[in-house]
């Protein structure tokens, strides 16, 4: 992922795309900060899962910002954050949604042997093991709650 971000940053800089350049520089800085935090140094290469986690955090932060900006009526800032999310999304894996997510949740319930809402943690753990980070946790949680008594 590091090579892809660096190559895309170079392309954005050559195209004089200021918005894309800013977002990719921020993503690269977050990647390097995570590498330093993991003890790899600024030139270190993160495992794919760690790199995805960095991008997910960046997207989540922007989603939270969109909600806050809309809450106080700053639609222009919310739109800017949404644009940044769209620039970061190509670095994330395709999300499991709709019927596929529903089938995965049902399979996780069966696999974990869950019968009540108290077993939700087991189901979510099984779902995480099966899908990794390629699903919306809130949507999955809602489905688990609706399927369990």
Protein backbone atom coordinates (compact mmCIF):
# COMPACT_ATOMS: atom_id res chain seq x y z
CA UNK A 1 0.00 0.00 0.00
CA UNK A 2 2.90 2.34 0.74
CA UNK A 3 4.15 2.15 -2.85
CA UNK A 4 0.66 2.81 -4.18
CA UNK A 5 0.16 5.88 -1.99
CA UNK A 6 3.59 7.23 -2.93
CA UNK A 7 2.97 6.69 -6.64
CA UNK A 8 -0.48 8.29 -6.46
CA UNK A 9 0.99 11.22 -4.52
CA UNK A 10 3.62 11.76 -7.19
CA UNK A 11 0.96 11.65 -9.91
CA UNK A 12 -1.23 14.12 -8.00
CA UNK A 13 1.70 16.47 -7.51
CA UNK A 14 2.62 16.36 -11.20
CA UNK A 15 -1.02 17.03 -12.11
CA UNK A 16 -1.05 19.94 -9.64
CA UNK A 17 -4.11 18.45 -7.95
CA UNK A 18 -3.87 20.29 -4.63
CA UNK A 19 -6.78 18.55 -2.91
CA UNK A 20 -5.63 15.05 -3.78
CA UNK A 21 -2.02 15.93 -2.95
CA UNK A 22 -3.03 17.17 0.50
CA UNK A 23 -5.07 14.05 1.32
CA UNK A 24 -2.35 11.67 0.09
CA UNK A 25 0.36 13.54 2.03
CA UNK A 26 -1.78 13.23 5.14
CA UNK A 27 -2.30 9.51 4.50
CA UNK A 28 1.43 9.00 3.94
CA UNK A 29 2.22 10.86 7.17
CA UNK A 30 -0.29 8.71 9.09
CA UNK A 31 1.26 5.58 7.56
CA UNK A 32 4.76 6.65 8.60
CA UNK A 33 3.59 7.63 12.08
CA UNK A 34 2.09 4.16 12.50
CA UNK A 35 5.34 2.57 11.29
CA UNK A 36 7.28 4.59 13.88
CA UNK A 37 4.77 3.63 16.58
CA UNK A 38 5.27 -0.05 15.68
CA UNK A 39 9.03 0.37 16.04
CA UNK A 40 9.78 0.07 12.32
CA UNK A 41 11.05 3.60 11.84
CA UNK A 42 9.74 6.14 9.30
CA UNK A 43 11.06 4.07 6.38
CA UNK A 44 9.48 0.85 7.69
CA UNK A 45 6.83 -1.07 5.84
CA UNK A 46 3.64 -1.97 7.69
CA UNK A 47 1.85 -5.26 7.32
CA UNK A 48 -1.16 -4.99 5.00
CA UNK A 49 -3.60 -5.27 7.91
CA UNK A 50 -1.90 -2.44 9.78
CA UNK A 51 -1.84 -0.27 6.66
CA UNK A 52 -5.55 -0.86 6.12
CA UNK A 53 -6.21 0.03 9.75
CA UNK A 54 -4.47 3.38 9.22
CA UNK A 55 -6.64 4.22 6.21
CA UNK A 56 -9.79 3.05 8.03
CA UNK A 57 -8.97 5.37 10.95
CA UNK A 58 -8.54 8.27 8.54
CA UNK A 59 -11.90 7.54 6.89
CA UNK A 60 -13.63 7.07 10.25
CA UNK A 61 -12.23 10.38 11.48
CA UNK A 62 -13.61 12.15 8.44
CA UNK A 63 -17.00 10.47 8.80
CA UNK A 64 -17.16 11.71 12.39
CA UNK A 65 -16.19 15.19 11.21
CA UNK A 66 -18.95 15.16 8.57
CA UNK A 67 -21.51 14.40 11.29
CA UNK A 68 -20.18 17.18 13.51
CA UNK A 69 -20.06 19.75 10.72
CA UNK A 70 -23.60 18.91 9.62
CA UNK A 71 -24.77 19.16 13.22
CA UNK A 72 -23.55 22.78 13.44
CA UNK A 73 -24.67 23.70 9.92
CA UNK A 74 -21.29 23.91 8.18
CA UNK A 75 -22.23 22.15 4.96
CA UNK A 76 -19.17 23.37 3.06
CA UNK A 77 -16.78 21.79 5.56
CA UNK A 78 -18.85 18.59 5.59
CA UNK A 79 -18.63 18.45 1.79
CA UNK A 80 -14.85 18.88 1.97
CA UNK A 81 -14.59 15.97 4.43
CA UNK A 82 -16.79 13.82 2.16
CA UNK A 83 -14.47 14.60 -0.76
CA UNK A 84 -11.49 13.45 1.33
CA UNK A 85 -13.34 10.22 2.19
CA UNK A 86 -13.89 9.57 -1.53
CA UNK A 87 -10.16 10.05 -2.17
CA UNK A 88 -9.27 7.54 0.57
CA UNK A 89 -11.86 4.85 -0.26
CA UNK A 90 -9.91 3.32 -3.19
CA UNK A 91 -7.26 2.24 -0.67
CA UNK A 92 -9.79 0.18 1.30
CA UNK A 93 -10.98 -3.30 0.33
CA UNK A 94 -14.45 -3.67 -1.14
CA UNK A 95 -17.01 -3.66 1.65
CA UNK A 96 -19.34 -6.59 2.21
CA UNK A 97 -22.88 -5.18 2.25
CA UNK A 98 -26.52 -6.12 1.86
CA UNK A 99 -27.39 -9.77 1.33
CA UNK A 100 -23.74 -10.86 1.47
CA UNK A 101 -23.31 -9.25 4.89
CA UNK A 102 -26.58 -10.76 6.07
CA UNK A 103 -25.43 -14.24 4.96
CA UNK A 104 -22.06 -13.74 6.68
CA UNK A 105 -23.79 -12.68 9.92
CA UNK A 106 -26.07 -15.73 9.81
CA UNK A 107 -23.03 -17.97 9.22
CA UNK A 108 -21.17 -16.34 12.13
CA UNK A 109 -24.20 -16.90 14.41
CA UNK A 110 -24.31 -20.55 13.42
CA UNK A 111 -20.54 -20.97 13.76
CA UNK A 112 -20.39 -19.35 17.20
CA UNK A 113 -23.49 -21.15 18.47
CA UNK A 114 -25.01 -17.85 19.64
CA UNK A 115 -28.61 -17.91 20.80
CA UNK A 116 -29.16 -14.63 22.67
CA UNK A 117 -28.03 -11.02 22.42
CA UNK A 118 -25.60 -11.77 25.26
CA UNK A 119 -23.62 -13.82 22.73
CA UNK A 120 -23.15 -10.84 20.40
CA UNK A 121 -19.43 -10.60 21.19
CA UNK A 122 -18.89 -14.17 20.03
CA UNK A 123 -20.72 -13.49 16.77
CA UNK A 124 -18.80 -10.28 16.09
CA UNK A 125 -15.51 -12.08 16.82
CA UNK A 126 -16.42 -14.85 14.36
CA UNK A 127 -17.46 -12.25 11.79
CA UNK A 128 -14.17 -10.39 12.22
CA UNK A 129 -12.24 -13.63 11.74
CA UNK A 130 -14.18 -14.41 8.57
CA UNK A 131 -14.37 -10.98 6.90
CA UNK A 132 -11.49 -9.09 8.44
CA UNK A 133 -12.20 -5.40 8.20
CA UNK A 134 -14.25 -5.47 5.03
CA UNK A 135 -17.65 -4.81 6.60
CA UNK A 136 -19.44 -2.01 8.43
CA UNK A 137 -19.42 -2.86 12.13
CA UNK A 138 -22.56 -0.84 12.88
CA UNK A 139 -24.54 -2.56 10.12
CA UNK A 140 -23.32 -5.98 11.22
CA UNK A 141 -24.14 -5.23 14.85
CA UNK A 142 -27.66 -4.20 13.90
CA UNK A 143 -28.14 -7.43 11.94
CA UNK A 144 -26.82 -9.55 14.81
CA UNK A 145 -29.23 -7.87 17.23
CA UNK A 146 -32.16 -8.39 14.86
CA UNK A 147 -31.34 -12.08 14.35
CA UNK A 148 -30.78 -12.94 18.01
CA UNK A 149 -33.63 -13.04 20.53
